[in-house]
Amino acid sequence: MLGGLALMVWAVTFTADDPVAFLNLPGLAVVIGGTVAATLISYPLHEVARVFHIIGVVMRNEKLYAKEDVEELVSTAQMMARGDLGKIEDRLARLKNPFLRTGLQLVVDGTPVDDIMDLLQWRIGRLRARERAEAQIFRTMASFAPAFGMLGTLLGLINMLYAMDNAGFEQIGRNMSVALITTLYGLVLANLAFKPVALKMERRTERRVMLMNMVLEGVLLVHDQRSPAFIRETLNSFMEHYEDELNDQSRPRGRSGRKGRGRG
């Protein structure tokens, strides 16, 4: 994002006689103020505040710790094979992944496998729905920004036409610059900020859902008391191919050998 903005500044600097003319605070206020106002009308304040709170997490390429989760599942399977339930409880208390901790706790408590699947798949669905709704806020802002850019253009043209009879070319040019620059601001904000952020948030959601599906599969394998080596190889194979799953959503995600246990 910063690189794209720097490239635009460079282009303006080397092509314009007066680069400062591209800085118009009233026009920027129309676009940003109108976009924010329309967004706050469309969504509750707490939802918008939450989205802007997590944007820093989204933009820094969050690590998902998939390998660490695999090791936790394998270690839990090993301890269950030895009957070390006390050590499992202590280990669960130190887990940082709440989804993994919940799944393993259900296994330790002897919860039926169908109930485990229902609960964990429900949590996966809730996360997907919540984060897609958050990304939709930025998509909405991307649609509002060009519209308010056009609004600024209309305001500038109205002022220009109103002042044509009794004003010099300097004032006419100033109004004309506001008319054109607001459209530029709207397009830049929509296509260099809001829409890319929405796409990045959606990509992050798909990665998180894939990781949760992997954890769900691992929890089911632990519940079935499969060997730690089998669990490790299965989940490692899952990780090796999860990028292909993201790029080809039509590919089936479940294994044919486990009937009735899709990955959501």
C-alpha atoms as a PDB file:
ATOM      1  CA  MET A   1       0.000   0.000   0.000  1.00  0.00           C
ATOM      2  CA  LEU A   2       2.778   2.416   0.910  1.00  0.00           C
ATOM      3  CA  GLY A   3       4.690   1.421  -2.219  1.00  0.00           C
ATOM      4  CA  GLY A   4       1.695   2.151  -4.435  1.00  0.00           C
ATOM      5  CA  LEU A   5       1.162   5.506  -2.746  1.00  0.00           C
ATOM      6  CA  ALA A   6       4.858   6.369  -3.126  1.00  0.00           C
ATOM      7  CA  LEU A   7       4.701   5.480  -6.827  1.00  0.00           C
ATOM      8  CA  MET A   8       1.735   7.806  -7.328  1.00  0.00           C
ATOM      9  CA  VAL A   9       3.504  10.629  -5.477  1.00  0.00           C
ATOM     10  CA  TRP A  10       6.576  10.074  -7.661  1.00  0.00           C
ATOM     11  CA  ALA A  11       4.487  10.203 -10.829  1.00  0.00           C
ATOM     12  CA  VAL A  12       2.746  13.395  -9.731  1.00  0.00           C
ATOM     13  CA  THR A  13       6.029  15.012  -8.721  1.00  0.00           C
ATOM     14  CA  PHE A  14       7.685  14.405 -12.089  1.00  0.00           C
ATOM     15  CA  THR A  15       4.703  15.154 -14.320  1.00  0.00           C
ATOM     16  CA  ALA A  16       2.971  18.138 -12.685  1.00  0.00           C
ATOM     17  CA  ASP A  17       4.147  21.746 -12.820  1.00  0.00           C
ATOM     18  CA  ASP A  18       2.783  22.256  -9.301  1.00  0.00           C
ATOM     19  CA  PRO A  19       2.529  18.975  -7.328  1.00  0.00           C
ATOM     20  CA  VAL A  20       0.998  20.845  -4.377  1.00  0.00           C
ATOM     21  CA  ALA A  21      -2.099  21.376  -6.503  1.00  0.00           C
ATOM     22  CA  PHE A  22      -2.902  17.671  -6.007  1.00  0.00           C
ATOM     23  CA  LEU A  23      -3.240  18.278  -2.265  1.00  0.00           C
ATOM     24  CA  ASN A  24      -6.726  19.602  -1.631  1.00  0.00           C
ATOM     25  CA  LEU A  25      -7.911  19.342   1.964  1.00  0.00           C
ATOM     26  CA  PRO A  26     -11.571  20.324   1.342  1.00  0.00           C
ATOM     27  CA  GLY A  27     -11.858  17.677  -1.365  1.00  0.00           C
ATOM     28  CA  LEU A  28     -10.209  15.066   0.857  1.00  0.00           C
ATOM     29  CA  ALA A  29     -12.567  15.999   3.688  1.00  0.00           C
ATOM     30  CA  VAL A  30     -15.579  15.480   1.421  1.00  0.00           C
ATOM     31  CA  VAL A  31     -14.451  11.994   0.386  1.00  0.00           C
ATOM     32  CA  ILE A  32     -13.223  10.710   3.759  1.00  0.00           C
ATOM     33  CA  GLY A  33     -15.942  12.401   5.803  1.00  0.00           C
ATOM     34  CA  GLY A  34     -18.721  11.242   3.513  1.00  0.00           C
ATOM     35  CA  THR A  35     -17.376   7.670   3.339  1.00  0.00           C
ATOM     36  CA  VAL A  36     -17.026   7.383   7.113  1.00  0.00           C
ATOM     37  CA  ALA A  37     -20.439   8.931   7.721  1.00  0.00           C
ATOM     38  CA  ALA A  38     -22.175   6.608   5.248  1.00  0.00           C
ATOM     39  CA  THR A  39     -20.398   3.595   6.749  1.00  0.00           C
ATOM     40  CA  LEU A  40     -21.473   4.520  10.277  1.00  0.00           C
ATOM     41  CA  ILE A  41     -25.040   4.887   9.045  1.00  0.00           C
ATOM     42  CA  SER A  42     -24.880   1.460   7.403  1.00  0.00           C
ATOM     43  CA  TYR A  43     -23.259  -0.472  10.285  1.00  0.00           C
ATOM     44  CA  PRO A  44     -23.332  -0.297  14.104  1.00  0.00           C
ATOM     45  CA  LEU A  45     -20.545   1.750  15.628  1.00  0.00           C
ATOM     46  CA  HIS A  46     -19.059  -1.178  17.568  1.00  0.00           C
ATOM     47  CA  GLU A  47     -18.691  -3.249  14.372  1.00  0.00           C
ATOM     48  CA  VAL A  48     -16.879  -0.453  12.542  1.00  0.00           C
ATOM     49  CA  ALA A  49     -14.643   0.197  15.571  1.00  0.00           C
ATOM     50  CA  ARG A  50     -13.747  -3.494  15.781  1.00  0.00           C
ATOM     51  CA  VAL A  51     -12.807  -3.626  12.096  1.00  0.00           C
ATOM     52  CA  PHE A  52     -10.432  -0.693  12.396  1.00  0.00           C
ATOM     53  CA  HIS A  53      -9.018  -2.219  15.572  1.00  0.00           C
ATOM     54  CA  ILE A  54      -8.000  -5.477  13.856  1.00  0.00           C
ATOM     55  CA  ILE A  55      -6.745  -3.908  10.627  1.00  0.00           C
ATOM     56  CA  GLY A  56      -3.218  -3.792  12.039  1.00  0.00           C
ATOM     57  CA  VAL A  57      -3.329  -7.545  12.663  1.00  0.00           C
ATOM     58  CA  VAL A  58      -4.544  -8.202   9.132  1.00  0.00           C
ATOM     59  CA  MET A  59      -1.916  -6.043   7.439  1.00  0.00           C
ATOM     60  CA  ARG A  60       1.104  -7.555   9.167  1.00  0.00           C
ATOM     61  CA  ASN A  61       0.641 -11.066   7.696  1.00  0.00           C
ATOM     62  CA  GLU A  62      -0.419 -12.893  10.849  1.00  0.00           C
ATOM     63  CA  LYS A  63       1.332 -16.190  11.602  1.00  0.00           C
ATOM     64  CA  LEU A  64      -1.011 -19.137  12.133  1.00  0.00           C
ATOM     65  CA  TYR A  65       1.263 -21.587  14.028  1.00  0.00           C
ATOM     66  CA  ALA A  66       0.006 -24.634  12.144  1.00  0.00           C
ATOM     67  CA  LYS A  67       3.107 -26.725  12.913  1.00  0.00           C
ATOM     68  CA  GLU A  68       2.800 -25.970  16.611  1.00  0.00           C
ATOM     69  CA  ASP A  69      -0.824 -27.120  16.600  1.00  0.00           C
ATOM     70  CA  VAL A  70       0.178 -30.378  14.886  1.00  0.00           C
ATOM     71  CA  GLU A  71       2.796 -31.011  17.559  1.00  0.00           C
ATOM     72  CA  GLU A  72       0.248 -30.356  20.298  1.00  0.00           C
ATOM     73  CA  LEU A  73      -2.151 -32.868  18.764  1.00  0.00           C
ATOM     74  CA  VAL A  74       0.581 -35.490  18.397  1.00  0.00           C
ATOM     75  CA  SER A  75       1.790 -34.952  21.972  1.00  0.00           C
ATOM     76  CA  THR A  76      -1.750 -35.250  23.303  1.00  0.00           C
ATOM     77  CA  ALA A  77      -2.235 -38.497  21.378  1.00  0.00           C
ATOM     78  CA  GLN A  78       0.992 -39.841  22.875  1.00  0.00           C
ATOM     79  CA  MET A  79      -0.064 -38.960  26.408  1.00  0.00           C
ATOM     80  CA  MET A  80      -3.501 -40.494  25.895  1.00  0.00           C
ATOM     81  CA  ALA A  81      -1.852 -43.689  24.658  1.00  0.00           C
ATOM     82  CA  ARG A  82       0.145 -43.776  27.934  1.00  0.00           C
ATOM     83  CA  GLY A  83      -2.886 -42.838  30.038  1.00  0.00           C
ATOM     84  CA  ASP A  84      -1.305 -39.603  31.371  1.00  0.00           C
ATOM     85  CA  LEU A  85      -4.590 -37.716  31.766  1.00  0.00           C
ATOM     86  CA  GLY A  86      -3.158 -35.465  34.476  1.00  0.00           C
ATOM     87  CA  LYS A  87      -0.404 -34.239  32.187  1.00  0.00           C
ATOM     88  CA  ILE A  88      -2.952 -33.664  29.423  1.00  0.00           C
ATOM     89  CA  GLU A  89      -4.988 -31.371  31.682  1.00  0.00           C
ATOM     90  CA  ASP A  90      -1.866 -29.358  32.571  1.00  0.00           C
ATOM     91  CA  ARG A  91      -0.887 -29.115  28.909  1.00  0.00           C
ATOM     92  CA  LEU A  92      -4.349 -27.983  27.850  1.00  0.00           C
ATOM     93  CA  ALA A  93      -4.211 -25.128  30.349  1.00  0.00           C
ATOM     94  CA  ARG A  94      -1.116 -23.762  28.587  1.00  0.00           C
ATOM     95  CA  LEU A  95      -2.465 -23.965  25.028  1.00  0.00           C
ATOM     96  CA  LYS A  96      -2.746 -20.584  23.285  1.00  0.00           C
ATOM     97  CA  ASN A  97      -5.111 -21.757  20.554  1.00  0.00           C
ATOM     98  CA  PRO A  98      -8.615 -21.682  22.111  1.00  0.00           C
ATOM     99  CA  PHE A  99     -10.127 -23.738  19.286  1.00  0.00           C
ATOM    100  CA  LEU A 100      -7.574 -26.513  19.755  1.00  0.00           C
ATOM    101  CA  ARG A 101      -7.932 -26.356  23.541  1.00  0.00           C
ATOM    102  CA  THR A 102     -11.713 -26.712  23.304  1.00  0.00           C
ATOM    103  CA  GLY A 103     -11.502 -29.678  20.936  1.00  0.00           C
ATOM    104  CA  LEU A 104      -8.979 -31.594  23.035  1.00  0.00           C
ATOM    105  CA  GLN A 105     -10.850 -30.800  26.237  1.00  0.00           C
ATOM    106  CA  LEU A 106     -13.987 -32.320  24.739  1.00  0.00           C
ATOM    107  CA  VAL A 107     -12.024 -35.445  23.831  1.00  0.00           C
ATOM    108  CA  VAL A 108     -10.577 -35.749  27.356  1.00  0.00           C
ATOM    109  CA  ASP A 109     -14.043 -35.307  28.846  1.00  0.00           C
ATOM    110  CA  GLY A 110     -15.349 -38.216  26.778  1.00  0.00           C
ATOM    111  CA  THR A 111     -17.744 -36.163  24.655  1.00  0.00           C
ATOM    112  CA  PRO A 112     -19.410 -38.129  21.812  1.00  0.00           C
ATOM    113  CA  VAL A 113     -17.759 -37.580  18.462  1.00  0.00           C
ATOM    114  CA  ASP A 114     -20.925 -36.179  16.842  1.00  0.00           C
ATOM    115  CA  ASP A 115     -21.205 -33.532  19.554  1.00  0.00           C
ATOM    116  CA  ILE A 116     -17.542 -32.592  19.086  1.00  0.00           C
ATOM    117  CA  MET A 117     -18.040 -32.203  15.348  1.00  0.00           C
ATOM    118  CA  ASP A 118     -21.221 -30.150  15.762  1.00  0.00           C
ATOM    119  CA  LEU A 119     -19.659 -27.738  18.242  1.00  0.00           C
ATOM    120  CA  LEU A 120     -16.364 -27.234  16.415  1.00  0.00           C
ATOM    121  CA  GLN A 121     -17.994 -26.903  12.998  1.00  0.00           C
ATOM    122  CA  TRP A 122     -20.409 -24.368  14.475  1.00  0.00           C
ATOM    123  CA  ARG A 123     -17.445 -22.331  15.720  1.00  0.00           C
ATOM    124  CA  ILE A 124     -15.799 -22.528  12.305  1.00  0.00           C
ATOM    125  CA  GLY A 125     -18.988 -21.297  10.667  1.00  0.00           C
ATOM    126  CA  ARG A 126     -19.334 -18.445  13.150  1.00  0.00           C
ATOM    127  CA  LEU A 127     -15.756 -17.312  12.574  1.00  0.00           C
ATOM    128  CA  ARG A 128     -16.197 -17.415   8.802  1.00  0.00           C
ATOM    129  CA  ALA A 129     -19.448 -15.436   8.959  1.00  0.00           C
ATOM    130  CA  ARG A 130     -18.074 -12.832  11.380  1.00  0.00           C
ATOM    131  CA  GLU A 131     -14.865 -12.178   9.474  1.00  0.00           C
ATOM    132  CA  ARG A 132     -16.601 -12.064   6.107  1.00  0.00           C
ATOM    133  CA  ALA A 133     -18.961  -9.460   7.565  1.00  0.00           C
ATOM    134  CA  GLU A 134     -15.936  -7.456   8.690  1.00  0.00           C
ATOM    135  CA  ALA A 135     -14.426  -7.615   5.205  1.00  0.00           C
ATOM    136  CA  GLN A 136     -17.770  -6.529   3.768  1.00  0.00           C
ATOM    137  CA  ILE A 137     -17.487  -3.256   5.696  1.00  0.00           C
ATOM    138  CA  PHE A 138     -14.368  -2.384   3.707  1.00  0.00           C
ATOM    139  CA  ARG A 139     -16.058  -3.439   0.477  1.00  0.00           C
ATOM    140  CA  THR A 140     -18.897  -1.080   1.358  1.00  0.00           C
ATOM    141  CA  MET A 141     -16.425   1.738   1.979  1.00  0.00           C
ATOM    142  CA  ALA A 142     -14.815   0.966  -1.383  1.00  0.00           C
ATOM    143  CA  SER A 143     -18.196   1.559  -3.043  1.00  0.00           C
ATOM    144  CA  PHE A 144     -18.893   4.746  -1.068  1.00  0.00           C
ATOM    145  CA  ALA A 145     -15.548   6.478  -1.708  1.00  0.00           C
ATOM    146  CA  PRO A 146     -15.912   6.966  -5.505  1.00  0.00           C
ATOM    147  CA  ALA A 147     -19.501   8.101  -4.991  1.00  0.00           C
ATOM    148  CA  PHE A 148     -18.432  10.841  -2.603  1.00  0.00           C
ATOM    149  CA  GLY A 149     -15.618  11.675  -4.994  1.00  0.00           C
ATOM    150  CA  MET A 150     -18.291  12.371  -7.594  1.00  0.00           C
ATOM    151  CA  LEU A 151     -20.190  14.415  -5.001  1.00  0.00           C
ATOM    152  CA  GLY A 152     -17.101  16.574  -4.499  1.00  0.00           C
ATOM    153  CA  THR A 153     -16.851  16.927  -8.256  1.00  0.00           C
ATOM    154  CA  LEU A 154     -20.425  18.210  -8.438  1.00  0.00           C
ATOM    155  CA  LEU A 155     -19.792  20.668  -5.619  1.00  0.00           C
ATOM    156  CA  GLY A 156     -16.713  22.011  -7.375  1.00  0.00           C
ATOM    157  CA  LEU A 157     -18.547  22.367 -10.688  1.00  0.00           C
ATOM    158  CA  ILE A 158     -21.467  24.162  -9.045  1.00  0.00           C
ATOM    159  CA  ASN A 159     -19.126  26.617  -7.346  1.00  0.00           C
ATOM    160  CA  MET A 160     -17.233  27.114 -10.599  1.00  0.00           C
ATOM    161  CA  LEU A 161     -20.375  27.842 -12.628  1.00  0.00           C
ATOM    162  CA  TYR A 162     -21.752  30.135  -9.937  1.00  0.00           C
ATOM    163  CA  ALA A 163     -18.548  32.204  -9.880  1.00  0.00           C
ATOM    164  CA  MET A 164     -17.934  32.412 -13.634  1.00  0.00           C
ATOM    165  CA  ASP A 165     -19.650  35.802 -14.074  1.00  0.00           C
ATOM    166  CA  ASN A 166     -17.939  37.686 -11.270  1.00  0.00           C
ATOM    167  CA  ALA A 167     -14.653  35.860 -10.630  1.00  0.00           C
ATOM    168  CA  GLY A 168     -11.278  35.608 -12.227  1.00  0.00           C
ATOM    169  CA  PHE A 169      -9.636  32.572 -13.703  1.00  0.00           C
ATOM    170  CA  GLU A 170      -7.819  31.907 -10.424  1.00  0.00           C
ATOM    171  CA  GLN A 171     -11.026  31.230  -8.498  1.00  0.00           C
ATOM    172  CA  ILE A 172     -12.502  29.280 -11.405  1.00  0.00           C
ATOM    173  CA  GLY A 173      -9.363  27.133 -11.540  1.00  0.00           C
ATOM    174  CA  ARG A 174      -9.497  26.552  -7.783  1.00  0.00           C
ATOM    175  CA  ASN A 175     -13.079  25.326  -7.986  1.00  0.00           C
ATOM    176  CA  MET A 176     -12.242  23.196 -11.004  1.00  0.00           C
ATOM    177  CA  SER A 177      -9.359  21.577  -9.142  1.00  0.00           C
ATOM    178  CA  VAL A 178     -11.676  20.646  -6.278  1.00  0.00           C
ATOM    179  CA  ALA A 179     -14.102  19.212  -8.823  1.00  0.00           C
ATOM    180  CA  LEU A 180     -11.481  16.922 -10.350  1.00  0.00           C
ATOM    181  CA  ILE A 181      -9.300  16.068  -7.368  1.00  0.00           C
ATOM    182  CA  THR A 182     -12.131  14.619  -5.268  1.00  0.00           C
ATOM    183  CA  THR A 183     -12.816  11.989  -7.935  1.00  0.00           C
ATOM    184  CA  LEU A 184      -9.129  11.097  -7.818  1.00  0.00           C
ATOM    185  CA  TYR A 185      -9.225  10.785  -4.039  1.00  0.00           C
ATOM    186  CA  GLY A 186     -12.274   8.541  -4.171  1.00  0.00           C
ATOM    187  CA  LEU A 187     -10.720   6.199  -6.712  1.00  0.00           C
ATOM    188  CA  VAL A 188      -7.404   6.007  -4.860  1.00  0.00           C
ATOM    189  CA  LEU A 189      -9.021   5.255  -1.494  1.00  0.00           C
ATOM    190  CA  ALA A 190     -11.318   2.637  -3.003  1.00  0.00           C
ATOM    191  CA  ASN A 191      -8.712   0.787  -5.065  1.00  0.00           C
ATOM    192  CA  LEU A 192      -5.538   1.289  -3.045  1.00  0.00           C
ATOM    193  CA  ALA A 193      -6.929   1.042   0.491  1.00  0.00           C
ATOM    194  CA  PHE A 194     -10.450  -0.245   1.104  1.00  0.00           C
ATOM    195  CA  LYS A 195     -10.804  -2.956  -1.546  1.00  0.00           C
ATOM    196  CA  PRO A 196      -7.296  -4.451  -1.073  1.00  0.00           C
ATOM    197  CA  VAL A 197      -7.836  -4.563   2.688  1.00  0.00           C
ATOM    198  CA  ALA A 198     -11.140  -6.382   2.163  1.00  0.00           C
ATOM    199  CA  LEU A 199      -9.455  -8.946  -0.097  1.00  0.00           C
ATOM    200  CA  LYS A 200      -6.653  -9.450   2.408  1.00  0.00           C
ATOM    201  CA  MET A 201      -9.153  -9.964   5.222  1.00  0.00           C
ATOM    202  CA  GLU A 202     -11.037 -12.546   3.159  1.00  0.00           C
ATOM    203  CA  ARG A 203      -7.776 -14.343   2.356  1.00  0.00           C
ATOM    204  CA  ARG A 204      -6.876 -14.342   6.055  1.00  0.00           C
ATOM    205  CA  THR A 205     -10.278 -15.820   6.895  1.00  0.00           C
ATOM    206  CA  GLU A 206      -9.812 -18.678   4.433  1.00  0.00           C
ATOM    207  CA  ARG A 207      -6.408 -19.476   5.914  1.00  0.00           C
ATOM    208  CA  ARG A 208      -7.790 -19.454   9.441  1.00  0.00           C
ATOM    209  CA  VAL A 209     -10.703 -21.678   8.416  1.00  0.00           C
ATOM    210  CA  MET A 210      -8.316 -24.126   6.758  1.00  0.00           C
ATOM    211  CA  LEU A 211      -6.237 -24.278   9.944  1.00  0.00           C
ATOM    212  CA  MET A 212      -9.344 -24.843  12.062  1.00  0.00           C
ATOM    213  CA  ASN A 213     -10.434 -27.637   9.720  1.00  0.00           C
ATOM    214  CA  MET A 214      -7.007 -29.221  10.149  1.00  0.00           C
ATOM    215  CA  VAL A 215      -7.345 -28.971  13.927  1.00  0.00           C
ATOM    216  CA  LEU A 216     -10.831 -30.488  13.729  1.00  0.00           C
ATOM    217  CA  GLU A 217      -9.481 -33.423  11.744  1.00  0.00           C
ATOM    218  CA  GLY A 218      -6.677 -33.867  14.273  1.00  0.00           C
ATOM    219  CA  VAL A 219      -9.091 -33.791  17.208  1.00  0.00           C
ATOM    220  CA  LEU A 220     -11.223 -36.483  15.557  1.00  0.00           C
ATOM    221  CA  LEU A 221      -8.120 -38.630  15.005  1.00  0.00           C
ATOM    222  CA  VAL A 222      -7.157 -38.222  18.658  1.00  0.00           C
ATOM    223  CA  HIS A 223     -10.698 -39.169  19.660  1.00  0.00           C
ATOM    224  CA  ASP A 224     -10.423 -42.309  17.492  1.00  0.00           C
ATOM    225  CA  GLN A 225      -7.160 -43.144  19.310  1.00  0.00           C
ATOM    226  CA  ARG A 226      -5.170 -43.287  16.104  1.00  0.00           C
ATOM    227  CA  SER A 227      -1.423 -43.611  16.465  1.00  0.00           C
ATOM    228  CA  PRO A 228       0.626 -40.414  16.929  1.00  0.00           C
ATOM    229  CA  ALA A 229       2.660 -41.215  13.809  1.00  0.00           C
ATOM    230  CA  PHE A 230      -0.494 -41.567  11.720  1.00  0.00           C
ATOM    231  CA  ILE A 231      -1.846 -38.275  13.086  1.00  0.00           C
ATOM    232  CA  ARG A 232       1.391 -36.474  12.310  1.00  0.00           C
ATOM    233  CA  GLU A 233       1.579 -37.746   8.731  1.00  0.00           C
ATOM    234  CA  THR A 234      -2.087 -37.043   8.067  1.00  0.00           C
ATOM    235  CA  LEU A 235      -1.918 -33.466   9.323  1.00  0.00           C
ATOM    236  CA  ASN A 236       1.401 -32.801   7.605  1.00  0.00           C
ATOM    237  CA  SER A 237      -0.162 -33.926   4.334  1.00  0.00           C
ATOM    238  CA  PHE A 238      -3.069 -31.614   5.055  1.00  0.00           C
ATOM    239  CA  MET A 239      -0.699 -28.657   5.522  1.00  0.00           C
ATOM    240  CA  GLU A 240       1.241 -29.441   2.356  1.00  0.00           C
ATOM    241  CA  HIS A 241      -1.883 -29.165   0.237  1.00  0.00           C
ATOM    242  CA  TYR A 242      -3.883 -26.480   1.986  1.00  0.00           C
ATOM    243  CA  GLU A 243      -2.639 -23.770  -0.382  1.00  0.00           C
ATOM    244  CA  ASP A 244      -4.102 -25.775  -3.255  1.00  0.00           C
ATOM    245  CA  GLU A 245      -7.360 -25.980  -1.339  1.00  0.00           C
ATOM    246  CA  LEU A 246      -7.429 -22.181  -1.069  1.00  0.00           C
ATOM    247  CA  ASN A 247      -6.790 -21.763  -4.782  1.00  0.00           C
ATOM    248  CA  ASP A 248      -9.309 -24.404  -5.818  1.00  0.00           C
ATOM    249  CA  GLN A 249     -12.338 -24.182  -3.553  1.00  0.00           C
ATOM    250  CA  SER A 250     -14.222 -26.706  -5.662  1.00  0.00           C
ATOM    251  CA  ARG A 251     -11.874 -29.531  -4.643  1.00  0.00           C
ATOM    252  CA  PRO A 252     -13.418 -31.882  -2.020  1.00  0.00           C
ATOM    253  CA  ARG A 253     -11.862 -31.312   1.380  1.00  0.00           C
ATOM    254  CA  GLY A 254     -12.828 -34.530   3.162  1.00  0.00           C
ATOM    255  CA  ARG A 255     -11.197 -37.911   2.885  1.00  0.00           C
ATOM    256  CA  SER A 256     -13.345 -40.639   1.449  1.00  0.00           C
ATOM    257  CA  GLY A 257     -12.290 -42.997   4.234  1.00  0.00           C
ATOM    258  CA  ARG A 258     -14.077 -40.941   6.902  1.00  0.00           C
ATOM    259  CA  LYS A 259     -17.772 -40.951   6.147  1.00  0.00           C
ATOM    260  CA  GLY A 260     -19.860 -38.179   7.583  1.00  0.00           C
ATOM    261  CA  ARG A 261     -16.872 -36.187   8.795  1.00  0.00           C
ATOM    262  CA  GLY A 262     -16.367 -33.335   6.383  1.00  0.00           C
ATOM    263  CA  ARG A 263     -14.169 -30.415   7.255  1.00  0.00           C
ATOM    264  CA  GLY A 264     -16.933 -27.850   7.004  1.00  0.00           C
END
